Amino acid sequence: MNDKQMNYGIAEKHSFKDTLRNIGNIAAVGTHRYYFYVEHDGNASQNKISKNDLLRLLVVNKQLQNQILANELNIDKGGEFTMGIVNTCIAQNIISYLNR
């Protein structure tokens, strides 16, 4: 899947709205938003991957694709999701699959 010119990962979304929500709430479980990204060689910028793009990347891996479609990762159309104990493993498996 990975043509050695692309690197996939997970990043935490930082926005003004998220910062306001988390002020004074250090243990703000479920309020931190994350997204999948791709980096291309020679370009250090991270390009966010939407839910539909992620499903296309996982077209060969039906198990991971079905977990997304069953909303086990709770990912929105824009590709953002909250990280929890249950879906951390799913997110790690997706990144491992894409970077193999």
PDB file of N, CA and C in Angstrom:
ATOM      1  N   MET A   1       0.829  -1.192   0.000  1.00  0.00           N
ATOM      2  CA  MET A   1       0.000   0.000   0.000  1.00  0.00           C
ATOM      3  C   MET A   1       0.874   1.256   0.000  1.00  0.00           C
ATOM      4  N   ASN A   2       1.946   1.250   0.766  1.00  0.00           N
ATOM      5  CA  ASN A   2       2.789   2.425   0.898  1.00  0.00           C
ATOM      6  C   ASN A   2       3.865   2.395  -0.177  1.00  0.00           C
ATOM      7  N   ASP A   3       3.934   3.406  -1.013  1.00  0.00           N
ATOM      8  CA  ASP A   3       4.911   3.426  -2.096  1.00  0.00           C
ATOM      9  C   ASP A   3       6.218   4.109  -1.703  1.00  0.00           C
ATOM     10  N   LYS A   4       6.530   4.152  -0.416  1.00  0.00           N
ATOM     11  CA  LYS A   4       7.768   4.685   0.160  1.00  0.00           C
ATOM     12  C   LYS A   4       7.892   6.187  -0.009  1.00  0.00           C
ATOM     13  N   GLN A   5       6.956   6.826  -0.647  1.00  0.00           N
ATOM     14  CA  GLN A   5       6.972   8.270  -0.760  1.00  0.00           C
ATOM     15  C   GLN A   5       5.886   8.881   0.122  1.00  0.00           C
ATOM     16  N   MET A   6       5.146   8.034   0.817  1.00  0.00           N
ATOM     17  CA  MET A   6       4.076   8.511   1.666  1.00  0.00           C
ATOM     18  C   MET A   6       4.206   7.909   3.053  1.00  0.00           C
ATOM     19  N   ASN A   7       3.904   8.715   4.047  1.00  0.00           N
ATOM     20  CA  ASN A   7       3.939   8.260   5.422  1.00  0.00           C
ATOM     21  C   ASN A   7       2.609   8.642   6.065  1.00  0.00           C
ATOM     22  N   TYR A   8       1.957   7.672   6.693  1.00  0.00           N
ATOM     23  CA  TYR A   8       0.662   7.902   7.316  1.00  0.00           C
ATOM     24  C   TYR A   8       0.820   7.984   8.828  1.00  0.00           C
ATOM     25  N   GLY A   9      -0.030   8.768   9.469  1.00  0.00           N
ATOM     26  CA  GLY A   9       0.019   8.901  10.912  1.00  0.00           C
ATOM     27  C   GLY A   9      -1.278   9.452  11.471  1.00  0.00           C
ATOM     28  N   ILE A  10      -1.255   9.693  12.775  1.00  0.00           N
ATOM     29  CA  ILE A  10      -2.391  10.270  13.485  1.00  0.00           C
ATOM     30  C   ILE A  10      -1.891  11.524  14.187  1.00  0.00           C
ATOM     31  N   ALA A  11      -2.660  12.594  14.100  1.00  0.00           N
ATOM     32  CA  ALA A  11      -2.295  13.849  14.758  1.00  0.00           C
ATOM     33  C   ALA A  11      -3.484  14.362  15.548  1.00  0.00           C
ATOM     34  N   GLU A  12      -3.177  15.111  16.582  1.00  0.00           N
ATOM     35  CA  GLU A  12      -4.227  15.738  17.379  1.00  0.00           C
ATOM     36  C   GLU A  12      -4.599  17.066  16.756  1.00  0.00           C
ATOM     37  N   LYS A  13      -5.892  17.303  16.636  1.00  0.00           N
ATOM     38  CA  LYS A  13      -6.375  18.565  16.083  1.00  0.00           C
ATOM     39  C   LYS A  13      -6.280  19.638  17.160  1.00  0.00           C
ATOM     40  N   HIS A  14      -5.710  20.747  16.782  1.00  0.00           N
ATOM     41  CA  HIS A  14      -5.612  21.883  17.697  1.00  0.00           C
ATOM     42  C   HIS A  14      -6.368  23.051  17.079  1.00  0.00           C
ATOM     43  N   SER A  15      -7.426  23.450  17.728  1.00  0.00           N
ATOM     44  CA  SER A  15      -8.171  24.609  17.272  1.00  0.00           C
ATOM     45  C   SER A  15      -8.510  25.475  18.476  1.00  0.00           C
ATOM     46  N   PHE A  16      -8.882  26.688  18.206  1.00  0.00           N
ATOM     47  CA  PHE A  16      -9.240  27.617  19.273  1.00  0.00           C
ATOM     48  C   PHE A  16     -10.425  27.071  20.077  1.00  0.00           C
ATOM     49  N   LYS A  17     -11.384  26.501  19.406  1.00  0.00           N
ATOM     50  CA  LYS A  17     -12.568  25.934  20.057  1.00  0.00           C
ATOM     51  C   LYS A  17     -12.173  24.783  20.991  1.00  0.00           C
ATOM     52  N   ASP A  18     -11.275  23.903  20.531  1.00  0.00           N
ATOM     53  CA  ASP A  18     -10.812  22.791  21.362  1.00  0.00           C
ATOM     54  C   ASP A  18     -10.068  23.302  22.595  1.00  0.00           C
ATOM     55  N   THR A  19      -9.262  24.330  22.402  1.00  0.00           N
ATOM     56  CA  THR A  19      -8.499  24.894  23.516  1.00  0.00           C
ATOM     57  C   THR A  19      -9.434  25.459  24.579  1.00  0.00           C
ATOM     58  N   LEU A  20     -10.436  26.202  24.154  1.00  0.00           N
ATOM     59  CA  LEU A  20     -11.409  26.760  25.105  1.00  0.00           C
ATOM     60  C   LEU A  20     -12.145  25.663  25.866  1.00  0.00           C
ATOM     61  N   ARG A  21     -12.506  24.607  25.163  1.00  0.00           N
ATOM     62  CA  ARG A  21     -13.247  23.511  25.777  1.00  0.00           C
ATOM     63  C   ARG A  21     -12.403  22.803  26.831  1.00  0.00           C
ATOM     64  N   ASN A  22     -11.085  22.747  26.627  1.00  0.00           N
ATOM     65  CA  ASN A  22     -10.218  21.973  27.504  1.00  0.00           C
ATOM     66  C   ASN A  22      -9.583  22.790  28.632  1.00  0.00           C
ATOM     67  N   ILE A  23      -9.803  24.105  28.649  1.00  0.00           N
ATOM     68  CA  ILE A  23      -9.231  24.929  29.714  1.00  0.00           C
ATOM     69  C   ILE A  23      -9.781  24.465  31.060  1.00  0.00           C
ATOM     70  N   GLY A  24      -8.883  24.203  31.969  1.00  0.00           N
ATOM     71  CA  GLY A  24      -9.280  23.775  33.310  1.00  0.00           C
ATOM     72  C   GLY A  24      -9.724  22.332  33.389  1.00  0.00           C
ATOM     73  N   ASN A  25      -9.649  21.609  32.304  1.00  0.00           N
ATOM     74  CA  ASN A  25     -10.089  20.219  32.295  1.00  0.00           C
ATOM     75  C   ASN A  25      -8.956  19.362  31.724  1.00  0.00           C
ATOM     76  N   ILE A  26      -7.935  19.140  32.535  1.00  0.00           N
ATOM     77  CA  ILE A  26      -6.744  18.411  32.089  1.00  0.00           C
ATOM     78  C   ILE A  26      -7.089  16.988  31.659  1.00  0.00           C
ATOM     79  N   ALA A  27      -8.009  16.371  32.347  1.00  0.00           N
ATOM     80  CA  ALA A  27      -8.394  14.996  32.023  1.00  0.00           C
ATOM     81  C   ALA A  27      -9.620  14.992  31.118  1.00  0.00           C
ATOM     82  N   ALA A  28      -9.621  15.824  30.108  1.00  0.00           N
ATOM     83  CA  ALA A  28     -10.774  15.967  29.216  1.00  0.00           C
ATOM     84  C   ALA A  28     -10.859  14.777  28.269  1.00  0.00           C
ATOM     85  N   VAL A  29     -11.339  13.677  28.780  1.00  0.00           N
ATOM     86  CA  VAL A  29     -11.451  12.458  27.983  1.00  0.00           C
ATOM     87  C   VAL A  29     -12.546  12.639  26.944  1.00  0.00           C
ATOM     88  N   GLY A  30     -12.234  12.304  25.716  1.00  0.00           N
ATOM     89  CA  GLY A  30     -13.225  12.367  24.657  1.00  0.00           C
ATOM     90  C   GLY A  30     -13.389  13.737  24.029  1.00  0.00           C
ATOM     91  N   THR A  31     -12.641  14.734  24.500  1.00  0.00           N
ATOM     92  CA  THR A  31     -12.767  16.054  23.895  1.00  0.00           C
ATOM     93  C   THR A  31     -11.619  16.355  22.947  1.00  0.00           C
ATOM     94  N   HIS A  32     -10.564  15.599  23.017  1.00  0.00           N
ATOM     95  CA  HIS A  32      -9.445  15.784  22.094  1.00  0.00           C
ATOM     96  C   HIS A  32      -9.798  15.112  20.777  1.00  0.00           C
ATOM     97  N   ARG A  33      -9.662  15.858  19.700  1.00  0.00           N
ATOM     98  CA  ARG A  33      -9.986  15.342  18.377  1.00  0.00           C
ATOM     99  C   ARG A  33      -8.698  14.952  17.657  1.00  0.00           C
ATOM    100  N   TYR A  34      -8.753  13.872  16.921  1.00  0.00           N
ATOM    101  CA  TYR A  34      -7.614  13.371  16.165  1.00  0.00           C
ATOM    102  C   TYR A  34      -8.019  13.169  14.721  1.00  0.00           C
ATOM    103  N   TYR A  35      -7.035  13.042  13.851  1.00  0.00           N
ATOM    104  CA  TYR A  35      -7.303  12.763  12.442  1.00  0.00           C
ATOM    105  C   TYR A  35      -6.130  11.973  11.859  1.00  0.00           C
ATOM    106  N   PHE A  36      -6.418  11.253  10.792  1.00  0.00           N
ATOM    107  CA  PHE A  36      -5.375  10.552  10.047  1.00  0.00           C
ATOM    108  C   PHE A  36      -4.790  11.542   9.043  1.00  0.00           C
ATOM    109  N   TYR A  37      -3.484  11.422   8.796  1.00  0.00           N
ATOM    110  CA  TYR A  37      -2.847  12.302   7.825  1.00  0.00           C
ATOM    111  C   TYR A  37      -1.879  11.505   6.965  1.00  0.00           C
ATOM    112  N   VAL A  38      -1.500  12.116   5.856  1.00  0.00           N
ATOM    113  CA  VAL A  38      -0.476  11.564   4.979  1.00  0.00           C
ATOM    114  C   VAL A  38       0.554  12.650   4.728  1.00  0.00           C
ATOM    115  N   GLU A  39       1.821  12.258   4.751  1.00  0.00           N
ATOM    116  CA  GLU A  39       2.936  13.143   4.400  1.00  0.00           C
ATOM    117  C   GLU A  39       3.598  12.572   3.149  1.00  0.00           C
ATOM    118  N   HIS A  40       3.942  13.436   2.233  1.00  0.00           N
ATOM    119  CA  HIS A  40       4.647  13.020   1.026  1.00  0.00           C
ATOM    120  C   HIS A  40       6.115  13.374   1.180  1.00  0.00           C
ATOM    121  N   ASP A  41       7.008  12.541   0.647  1.00  0.00           N
ATOM    122  CA  ASP A  41       8.448  12.828   0.700  1.00  0.00           C
ATOM    123  C   ASP A  41       8.727  14.199   0.122  1.00  0.00           C
ATOM    124  N   GLY A  42       9.604  14.937   0.787  1.00  0.00           N
ATOM    125  CA  GLY A  42       9.966  16.257   0.329  1.00  0.00           C
ATOM    126  C   GLY A  42       8.987  17.339   0.742  1.00  0.00           C
ATOM    127  N   ASN A  43       7.895  16.954   1.392  1.00  0.00           N
ATOM    128  CA  ASN A  43       6.891  17.917   1.831  1.00  0.00           C
ATOM    129  C   ASN A  43       6.530  17.576   3.273  1.00  0.00           C
ATOM    130  N   ALA A  44       6.936  18.420   4.193  1.00  0.00           N
ATOM    131  CA  ALA A  44       6.739  18.122   5.613  1.00  0.00           C
ATOM    132  C   ALA A  44       5.309  18.388   6.088  1.00  0.00           C
ATOM    133  N   SER A  45       4.449  18.929   5.223  1.00  0.00           N
ATOM    134  CA  SER A  45       3.093  19.232   5.666  1.00  0.00           C
ATOM    135  C   SER A  45       2.249  17.967   5.757  1.00  0.00           C
ATOM    136  N   GLN A  46       1.335  17.989   6.699  1.00  0.00           N
ATOM    137  CA  GLN A  46       0.434  16.862   6.909  1.00  0.00           C
ATOM    138  C   GLN A  46      -0.897  17.163   6.230  1.00  0.00           C
ATOM    139  N   ASN A  47      -1.326  16.277   5.345  1.00  0.00           N
ATOM    140  CA  ASN A  47      -2.603  16.424   4.668  1.00  0.00           C
ATOM    141  C   ASN A  47      -3.623  15.506   5.329  1.00  0.00           C
ATOM    142  N   LYS A  48      -4.676  16.105   5.844  1.00  0.00           N
ATOM    143  CA  LYS A  48      -5.727  15.365   6.534  1.00  0.00           C
ATOM    144  C   LYS A  48      -6.446  14.437   5.558  1.00  0.00           C
ATOM    145  N   ILE A  49      -6.776  13.235   6.025  1.00  0.00           N
ATOM    146  CA  ILE A  49      -7.475  12.242   5.217  1.00  0.00           C
ATOM    147  C   ILE A  49      -8.935  12.202   5.657  1.00  0.00           C
ATOM    148  N   SER A  50      -9.852  12.367   4.717  1.00  0.00           N
ATOM    149  CA  SER A  50     -11.280  12.310   5.034  1.00  0.00           C
ATOM    150  C   SER A  50     -11.708  10.855   5.246  1.00  0.00           C
ATOM    151  N   LYS A  51     -12.896  10.678   5.756  1.00  0.00           N
ATOM    152  CA  LYS A  51     -13.423   9.330   5.989  1.00  0.00           C
ATOM    153  C   LYS A  51     -13.521   8.557   4.679  1.00  0.00           C
ATOM    154  N   ASN A  52     -14.025   9.190   3.620  1.00  0.00           N
ATOM    155  CA  ASN A  52     -14.149   8.515   2.324  1.00  0.00           C
ATOM    156  C   ASN A  52     -12.788   8.147   1.748  1.00  0.00           C
ATOM    157  N   ASP A  53     -11.803   9.037   1.883  1.00  0.00           N
ATOM    158  CA  ASP A  53     -10.452   8.727   1.406  1.00  0.00           C
ATOM    159  C   ASP A  53      -9.852   7.556   2.180  1.00  0.00           C
ATOM    160  N   LEU A  54     -10.107   7.530   3.483  1.00  0.00           N
ATOM    161  CA  LEU A  54      -9.613   6.435   4.312  1.00  0.00           C
ATOM    162  C   LEU A  54     -10.246   5.115   3.896  1.00  0.00           C
ATOM    163  N   LEU A  55     -11.535   5.137   3.634  1.00  0.00           N
ATOM    164  CA  LEU A  55     -12.218   3.913   3.177  1.00  0.00           C
ATOM    165  C   LEU A  55     -11.646   3.432   1.849  1.00  0.00           C
ATOM    166  N   ARG A  56     -11.296   4.364   0.961  1.00  0.00           N
ATOM    167  CA  ARG A  56     -10.682   3.978  -0.323  1.00  0.00           C
ATOM    168  C   ARG A  56      -9.305   3.348  -0.106  1.00  0.00           C
ATOM    169  N   LEU A  57      -8.538   3.890   0.844  1.00  0.00           N
ATOM    170  CA  LEU A  57      -7.215   3.333   1.135  1.00  0.00           C
ATOM    171  C   LEU A  57      -7.311   1.930   1.733  1.00  0.00           C
ATOM    172  N   LEU A  58      -8.420   1.645   2.403  1.00  0.00           N
ATOM    173  CA  LEU A  58      -8.597   0.358   3.075  1.00  0.00           C
ATOM    174  C   LEU A  58      -9.449  -0.613   2.266  1.00  0.00           C
ATOM    175  N   VAL A  59      -9.651  -0.353   0.996  1.00  0.00           N
ATOM    176  CA  VAL A  59     -10.563  -1.157   0.178  1.00  0.00           C
ATOM    177  C   VAL A  59     -10.175  -2.646   0.165  1.00  0.00           C
ATOM    178  N   VAL A  60      -8.900  -2.949   0.283  1.00  0.00           N
ATOM    179  CA  VAL A  60      -8.449  -4.342   0.279  1.00  0.00           C
ATOM    180  C   VAL A  60      -8.616  -4.991   1.657  1.00  0.00           C
ATOM    181  N   ASN A  61      -8.565  -4.191   2.710  1.00  0.00           N
ATOM    182  CA  ASN A  61      -8.676  -4.717   4.073  1.00  0.00           C
ATOM    183  C   ASN A  61     -10.115  -4.531   4.570  1.00  0.00           C
ATOM    184  N   LYS A  62     -10.941  -5.513   4.296  1.00  0.00           N
ATOM    185  CA  LYS A  62     -12.370  -5.423   4.628  1.00  0.00           C
ATOM    186  C   LYS A  62     -12.624  -5.355   6.129  1.00  0.00           C
ATOM    187  N   GLN A  63     -11.777  -5.976   6.942  1.00  0.00           N
ATOM    188  CA  GLN A  63     -11.985  -5.949   8.390  1.00  0.00           C
ATOM    189  C   GLN A  63     -11.878  -4.519   8.924  1.00  0.00           C
ATOM    190  N   LEU A  64     -10.819  -3.810   8.550  1.00  0.00           N
ATOM    191  CA  LEU A  64     -10.664  -2.426   9.000  1.00  0.00           C
ATOM    192  C   LEU A  64     -11.731  -1.524   8.388  1.00  0.00           C
ATOM    193  N   GLN A  65     -12.037  -1.756   7.128  1.00  0.00           N
ATOM    194  CA  GLN A  65     -13.066  -0.964   6.460  1.00  0.00           C
ATOM    195  C   GLN A  65     -14.421  -1.146   7.152  1.00  0.00           C
ATOM    196  N   ASN A  66     -14.749  -2.375   7.511  1.00  0.00           N
ATOM    197  CA  ASN A  66     -16.020  -2.645   8.190  1.00  0.00           C
ATOM    198  C   ASN A  66     -16.073  -2.027   9.580  1.00  0.00           C
ATOM    199  N   GLN A  67     -14.931  -1.940  10.268  1.00  0.00           N
ATOM    200  CA  GLN A  67     -14.913  -1.300  11.583  1.00  0.00           C
ATOM    201  C   GLN A  67     -15.220   0.191  11.461  1.00  0.00           C
ATOM    202  N   ILE A  68     -14.763   0.801  10.399  1.00  0.00           N
ATOM    203  CA  ILE A  68     -15.074   2.213  10.168  1.00  0.00           C
ATOM    204  C   ILE A  68     -16.540   2.368   9.789  1.00  0.00           C
ATOM    205  N   LEU A  69     -17.012   1.512   8.898  1.00  0.00           N
ATOM    206  CA  LEU A  69     -18.409   1.590   8.466  1.00  0.00           C
ATOM    207  C   LEU A  69     -19.377   1.293   9.608  1.00  0.00           C
ATOM    208  N   ALA A  70     -18.969   0.449  10.551  1.00  0.00           N
ATOM    209  CA  ALA A  70     -19.811   0.127  11.712  1.00  0.00           C
ATOM    210  C   ALA A  70     -19.701   1.203  12.794  1.00  0.00           C
ATOM    211  N   ASN A  71     -18.940   2.252  12.493  1.00  0.00           N
ATOM    212  CA  ASN A  71     -18.766   3.396  13.394  1.00  0.00           C
ATOM    213  C   ASN A  71     -18.047   3.019  14.691  1.00  0.00           C
ATOM    214  N   GLU A  72     -17.222   1.976  14.666  1.00  0.00           N
ATOM    215  CA  GLU A  72     -16.449   1.594  15.845  1.00  0.00           C
ATOM    216  C   GLU A  72     -15.355   2.611  16.155  1.00  0.00           C
ATOM    217  N   LEU A  73     -14.898   3.326  15.141  1.00  0.00           N
ATOM    218  CA  LEU A  73     -13.882   4.359  15.343  1.00  0.00           C
ATOM    219  C   LEU A  73     -14.537   5.714  15.604  1.00  0.00           C
ATOM    220  N   ASN A  74     -15.815   5.822  15.294  1.00  0.00           N
ATOM    221  CA  ASN A  74     -16.581   7.057  15.489  1.00  0.00           C
ATOM    222  C   ASN A  74     -15.929   8.226  14.749  1.00  0.00           C
ATOM    223  N   ILE A  75     -15.636   7.995  13.478  1.00  0.00           N
ATOM    224  CA  ILE A  75     -14.974   8.994  12.639  1.00  0.00           C
ATOM    225  C   ILE A  75     -16.028   9.767  11.846  1.00  0.00           C
ATOM    226  N   ASP A  76     -15.882  11.092  11.805  1.00  0.00           N
ATOM    227  CA  ASP A  76     -16.855  11.885  11.051  1.00  0.00           C
ATOM    228  C   ASP A  76     -16.417  12.005   9.592  1.00  0.00           C
ATOM    229  N   LYS A  77     -17.250  12.633   8.757  1.00  0.00           N
ATOM    230  CA  LYS A  77     -16.969  12.732   7.323  1.00  0.00           C
ATOM    231  C   LYS A  77     -15.659  13.447   7.028  1.00  0.00           C
ATOM    232  N   GLY A  78     -15.303  14.381   7.897  1.00  0.00           N
ATOM    233  CA  GLY A  78     -14.059  15.116   7.705  1.00  0.00           C
ATOM    234  C   GLY A  78     -12.825  14.352   8.121  1.00  0.00           C
ATOM    235  N   GLY A  79     -13.020  13.184   8.731  1.00  0.00           N
ATOM    236  CA  GLY A  79     -11.900  12.341   9.129  1.00  0.00           C
ATOM    237  C   GLY A  79     -11.481  12.496  10.574  1.00  0.00           C
ATOM    238  N   GLU A  80     -12.225  13.274  11.360  1.00  0.00           N
ATOM    239  CA  GLU A  80     -11.861  13.477  12.764  1.00  0.00           C
ATOM    240  C   GLU A  80     -12.561  12.463  13.661  1.00  0.00           C
ATOM    241  N   PHE A  81     -11.868  12.096  14.744  1.00  0.00           N
ATOM    242  CA  PHE A  81     -12.424  11.143  15.695  1.00  0.00           C
ATOM    243  C   PHE A  81     -11.851  11.411  17.074  1.00  0.00           C
ATOM    244  N   THR A  82     -12.523  10.898  18.098  1.00  0.00           N
ATOM    245  CA  THR A  82     -11.992  10.974  19.454  1.00  0.00           C
ATOM    246  C   THR A  82     -11.328   9.650  19.771  1.00  0.00           C
ATOM    247  N   MET A  83     -10.252   9.712  20.530  1.00  0.00           N
ATOM    248  CA  MET A  83      -9.497   8.512  20.868  1.00  0.00           C
ATOM    249  C   MET A  83      -9.971   7.996  22.220  1.00  0.00           C
ATOM    250  N   GLY A  84     -10.291   6.719  22.267  1.00  0.00           N
ATOM    251  CA  GLY A  84     -10.690   6.078  23.501  1.00  0.00           C
ATOM    252  C   GLY A  84      -9.971   4.758  23.654  1.00  0.00           C
ATOM    253  N   ILE A  85     -10.218   4.093  24.751  1.00  0.00           N
ATOM    254  CA  ILE A  85      -9.551   2.822  25.015  1.00  0.00           C
ATOM    255  C   ILE A  85      -9.878   1.792  23.943  1.00  0.00           C
ATOM    256  N   VAL A  86     -11.120   1.734  23.533  1.00  0.00           N
ATOM    257  CA  VAL A  86     -11.560   0.722  22.576  1.00  0.00           C
ATOM    258  C   VAL A  86     -11.032   0.998  21.175  1.00  0.00           C
ATOM    259  N   ASN A  87     -11.123   2.241  20.723  1.00  0.00           N
ATOM    260  CA  ASN A  87     -10.762   2.494  19.332  1.00  0.00           C
ATOM    261  C   ASN A  87      -9.279   2.815  19.111  1.00  0.00           C
ATOM    262  N   THR A  88      -8.491   2.904  20.163  1.00  0.00           N
ATOM    263  CA  THR A  88      -7.052   3.123  20.003  1.00  0.00           C
ATOM    264  C   THR A  88      -6.421   1.997  19.198  1.00  0.00           C
ATOM    265  N   CYS A  89      -6.810   0.793  19.482  1.00  0.00           N
ATOM    266  CA  CYS A  89      -6.275  -0.377  18.774  1.00  0.00           C
ATOM    267  C   CYS A  89      -6.659  -0.337  17.290  1.00  0.00           C
ATOM    268  N   ILE A  90      -7.881   0.069  17.000  1.00  0.00           N
ATOM    269  CA  ILE A  90      -8.323   0.166  15.611  1.00  0.00           C
ATOM    270  C   ILE A  90      -7.474   1.199  14.867  1.00  0.00           C
ATOM    271  N   ALA A  91      -7.280   2.367  15.473  1.00  0.00           N
ATOM    272  CA  ALA A  91      -6.481   3.426  14.846  1.00  0.00           C
ATOM    273  C   ALA A  91      -5.044   2.962  14.613  1.00  0.00           C
ATOM    274  N   GLN A  92      -4.460   2.274  15.586  1.00  0.00           N
ATOM    275  CA  GLN A  92      -3.097   1.757  15.434  1.00  0.00           C
ATOM    276  C   GLN A  92      -3.026   0.727  14.313  1.00  0.00           C
ATOM    277  N   ASN A  93      -4.023  -0.126  14.208  1.00  0.00           N
ATOM    278  CA  ASN A  93      -4.050  -1.128  13.143  1.00  0.00           C
ATOM    279  C   ASN A  93      -4.156  -0.483  11.770  1.00  0.00           C
ATOM    280  N   ILE A  94      -4.926   0.593  11.660  1.00  0.00           N
ATOM    281  CA  ILE A  94      -5.053   1.300  10.385  1.00  0.00           C
ATOM    282  C   ILE A  94      -3.709   1.889   9.976  1.00  0.00           C
ATOM    283  N   ILE A  95      -3.021   2.552  10.901  1.00  0.00           N
ATOM    284  CA  ILE A  95      -1.722   3.155  10.590  1.00  0.00           C
ATOM    285  C   ILE A  95      -0.704   2.075  10.232  1.00  0.00           C
ATOM    286  N   SER A  96      -0.692   0.976  10.968  1.00  0.00           N
ATOM    287  CA  SER A  96       0.235  -0.130  10.654  1.00  0.00           C
ATOM    288  C   SER A  96      -0.030  -0.678   9.255  1.00  0.00           C
ATOM    289  N   TYR A  97      -1.303  -0.829   8.906  1.00  0.00           N
ATOM    290  CA  TYR A  97      -1.672  -1.343   7.596  1.00  0.00           C
ATOM    291  C   TYR A  97      -1.232  -0.380   6.487  1.00  0.00           C
ATOM    292  N   LEU A  98      -1.500   0.912   6.667  1.00  0.00           N
ATOM    293  CA  LEU A  98      -1.178   1.890   5.632  1.00  0.00           C
ATOM    294  C   LEU A  98       0.327   2.079   5.453  1.00  0.00           C
ATOM    295  N   ASN A  99       1.109   1.928   6.514  1.00  0.00           N
ATOM    296  CA  ASN A  99       2.559   2.129   6.444  1.00  0.00           C
ATOM    297  C   ASN A  99       3.352   0.862   6.155  1.00  0.00           C
ATOM    298  N   ARG A 100       2.687  -0.217   5.913  1.00  0.00           N
ATOM    299  CA  ARG A 100       3.424  -1.469   5.690  1.00  0.00           C
ATOM    300  C   ARG A 100       4.169  -1.482   4.390  1.00  0.00           C
TER     301      ARG A 100
END
